[in-house]
Amino acid sequence: MEKIKCCFCGKELNSIHSSNDIRPIVSNNGDRCCNCCNEDIVIPNRIKFWFQASPVFTVKNKKTGEFVEDVKNAKFNLFSSELDVEKYLKENNLKKENYEIQKIFGFFE
């Protein structure tokens, strides 16, 4: 059986039963996360999404499948617009064509 890895921190998970659905961070791509990342990243953002009408954006490296993080603060990044994503990529010398920008409207998308 293939091991599952947390899409945020890379920790190996024993089975799908020891992992968590990461929606609304990313919708319907099958990525899973560990319990710590679920508590630190997913749940707080689910609560945010329930109370907002505007979409947010995540950025994922096409080659590695890893999400872009805030290098200074070591936190998972959510962006409020595509312009914010482009600004972030430019400021960090990252090529846009190497990243997948995902638009998320909320948990019930």
Foldseek 3Di string as FASTA:
>chain_A
DDWAAALEPRHTDPDPVQWADQPPLAPDPPHTHGPVCCVVPRPVVQVVLVPDQAKKKWKAFPPPRHTDADVVVRHGDIGRDVVRVVVVCVVVVHDPVRMDIGIGRHRVD
